Amino acid sequence: MHANSVIPLLRQALARAGIAGELYTSHSLRRGFATWAHQSGWDLKSLMSYVGWKDMKSAMRYIEASPFLGMARLTEKPVSP
C-alpha cells in the first residue's frame, strides 16, 4: 500500500457509509485511535510505544481532552424524585 492511497481509500469507505469523506484524512484515523485508546484506559507510555511516538508533546496533540468522570458528575443536574 502506498502512503498516498490511504486517504482515497478512507474517503471511499466513508462515502459508502454515507459520511462526508472530504472532512477526514489519515490523520483523523491516528487521532481517533489515540483518543479511543486513551479513553479505553491505555496508559500514555504504552500508547506511545504502540504508535511509535518518541516525544510526549507529539502524542498529546493527538489525544482529545475529556473531562474526568468526577468532573462530569459535578456538572450534572440532580435527578428529581
C-alpha atoms as a PDB file:
ATOM      1  CA  MET A   1       0.000   0.000   0.000  1.00  0.00           C
ATOM      2  CA  HIS A   2       1.346   3.410  -0.914  1.00  0.00           C
ATOM      3  CA  ALA A   3       1.081   6.293   1.591  1.00  0.00           C
ATOM      4  CA  ASN A   4      -0.925   8.362  -0.914  1.00  0.00           C
ATOM      5  CA  SER A   5      -3.567   5.640  -1.279  1.00  0.00           C
ATOM      6  CA  VAL A   6      -4.777   5.762   2.329  1.00  0.00           C
ATOM      7  CA  ILE A   7      -6.791   8.975   2.059  1.00  0.00           C
ATOM      8  CA  PRO A   8      -8.672   7.990  -1.131  1.00  0.00           C
ATOM      9  CA  LEU A   9      -9.475   4.562   0.348  1.00  0.00           C
ATOM     10  CA  LEU A  10     -10.643   6.127   3.610  1.00  0.00           C
ATOM     11  CA  ARG A  11     -12.847   8.650   1.813  1.00  0.00           C
ATOM     12  CA  GLN A  12     -14.274   5.951  -0.441  1.00  0.00           C
ATOM     13  CA  ALA A  13     -15.234   3.824   2.587  1.00  0.00           C
ATOM     14  CA  LEU A  14     -16.789   6.816   4.338  1.00  0.00           C
ATOM     15  CA  ALA A  15     -18.757   7.763   1.214  1.00  0.00           C
ATOM     16  CA  ARG A  16     -20.165   4.214   1.041  1.00  0.00           C
ATOM     17  CA  ALA A  17     -21.265   4.628   4.662  1.00  0.00           C
ATOM     18  CA  GLY A  18     -22.994   7.925   3.828  1.00  0.00           C
ATOM     19  CA  ILE A  19     -20.425  10.093   5.615  1.00  0.00           C
ATOM     20  CA  ALA A  20     -18.882  13.208   4.060  1.00  0.00           C
ATOM     21  CA  GLY A  21     -15.395  11.807   3.429  1.00  0.00           C
ATOM     22  CA  GLU A  22     -13.764  15.079   2.410  1.00  0.00           C
ATOM     23  CA  LEU A  23     -13.680  16.089   6.073  1.00  0.00           C
ATOM     24  CA  TYR A  24     -11.345  13.211   7.014  1.00  0.00           C
ATOM     25  CA  THR A  25      -7.686  12.331   6.410  1.00  0.00           C
ATOM     26  CA  SER A  26      -5.324   9.616   7.552  1.00  0.00           C
ATOM     27  CA  HIS A  27      -4.521  11.981  10.429  1.00  0.00           C
ATOM     28  CA  SER A  28      -8.154  11.519  11.523  1.00  0.00           C
ATOM     29  CA  LEU A  29      -7.532   7.780  11.894  1.00  0.00           C
ATOM     30  CA  ARG A  30      -4.451   8.298  14.032  1.00  0.00           C
ATOM     31  CA  ARG A  31      -6.159  10.932  16.174  1.00  0.00           C
ATOM     32  CA  GLY A  32      -9.266   8.788  16.555  1.00  0.00           C
ATOM     33  CA  PHE A  33      -7.249   5.754  17.570  1.00  0.00           C
ATOM     34  CA  ALA A  34      -5.157   7.697  20.071  1.00  0.00           C
ATOM     35  CA  THR A  35      -8.265   9.216  21.665  1.00  0.00           C
ATOM     36  CA  TRP A  36     -10.049   5.852  21.763  1.00  0.00           C
ATOM     37  CA  ALA A  37      -7.025   4.130  23.332  1.00  0.00           C
ATOM     38  CA  HIS A  38      -6.635   6.858  25.949  1.00  0.00           C
ATOM     39  CA  GLN A  39     -10.337   6.771  26.852  1.00  0.00           C
ATOM     40  CA  SER A  40     -10.177   2.960  26.989  1.00  0.00           C
ATOM     41  CA  GLY A  41      -7.533   3.081  29.698  1.00  0.00           C
ATOM     42  CA  TRP A  42      -4.273   2.761  27.776  1.00  0.00           C
ATOM     43  CA  ASP A  43      -1.507   4.495  29.656  1.00  0.00           C
ATOM     44  CA  LEU A  44       0.397   7.125  27.700  1.00  0.00           C
ATOM     45  CA  LYS A  45       3.671   5.193  27.690  1.00  0.00           C
ATOM     46  CA  SER A  46       2.030   2.099  26.158  1.00  0.00           C
ATOM     47  CA  LEU A  47       0.192   4.185  23.573  1.00  0.00           C
ATOM     48  CA  MET A  48       3.376   5.998  22.594  1.00  0.00           C
ATOM     49  CA  SER A  49       5.222   2.707  22.224  1.00  0.00           C
ATOM     50  CA  TYR A  50       2.436   1.143  20.146  1.00  0.00           C
ATOM     51  CA  VAL A  51       2.114   4.098  17.761  1.00  0.00           C
ATOM     52  CA  GLY A  52       5.827   4.892  17.669  1.00  0.00           C
ATOM     53  CA  TRP A  53       5.854   8.343  19.233  1.00  0.00           C
ATOM     54  CA  LYS A  54       9.121   9.255  20.928  1.00  0.00           C
ATOM     55  CA  ASP A  55       8.035  12.667  22.203  1.00  0.00           C
ATOM     56  CA  MET A  56       5.220  13.153  24.716  1.00  0.00           C
ATOM     57  CA  LYS A  57       4.378  16.541  23.186  1.00  0.00           C
ATOM     58  CA  SER A  58       3.646  14.872  19.847  1.00  0.00           C
ATOM     59  CA  ALA A  59       1.444  12.251  21.485  1.00  0.00           C
ATOM     60  CA  MET A  60      -0.574  14.823  23.417  1.00  0.00           C
ATOM     61  CA  ARG A  61      -1.522  16.633  20.189  1.00  0.00           C
ATOM     62  CA  TYR A  62      -3.357  13.518  19.015  1.00  0.00           C
ATOM     63  CA  ILE A  63      -5.405  12.822  22.141  1.00  0.00           C
ATOM     64  CA  GLU A  64      -8.705  14.646  22.575  1.00  0.00           C
ATOM     65  CA  ALA A  65      -9.136  16.020  26.077  1.00  0.00           C
ATOM     66  CA  SER A  66     -12.073  14.665  28.022  1.00  0.00           C
ATOM     67  CA  PRO A  67     -13.279  15.720  31.449  1.00  0.00           C
ATOM     68  CA  PHE A  68     -12.685  13.470  34.412  1.00  0.00           C
ATOM     69  CA  LEU A  69     -15.718  11.375  35.279  1.00  0.00           C
ATOM     70  CA  GLY A  70     -15.856  13.080  38.665  1.00  0.00           C
ATOM     71  CA  MET A  71     -15.987  16.486  36.975  1.00  0.00           C
ATOM     72  CA  ALA A  72     -18.879  15.355  34.776  1.00  0.00           C
ATOM     73  CA  ARG A  73     -20.806  14.284  37.859  1.00  0.00           C
ATOM     74  CA  LEU A  74     -20.344  17.707  39.443  1.00  0.00           C
ATOM     75  CA  THR A  75     -21.917  19.466  36.468  1.00  0.00           C
ATOM     76  CA  GLU A  76     -24.887  17.112  36.096  1.00  0.00           C
ATOM     77  CA  LYS A  77     -28.252  18.295  37.322  1.00  0.00           C
ATOM     78  CA  PRO A  78     -29.594  16.349  40.285  1.00  0.00           C
ATOM     79  CA  VAL A  79     -32.352  13.891  39.459  1.00  0.00           C
ATOM     80  CA  SER A  80     -35.701  14.931  40.910  1.00  0.00           C
ATOM     81  CA  PRO A  81     -37.731  12.188  42.645  1.00  0.00           C
END
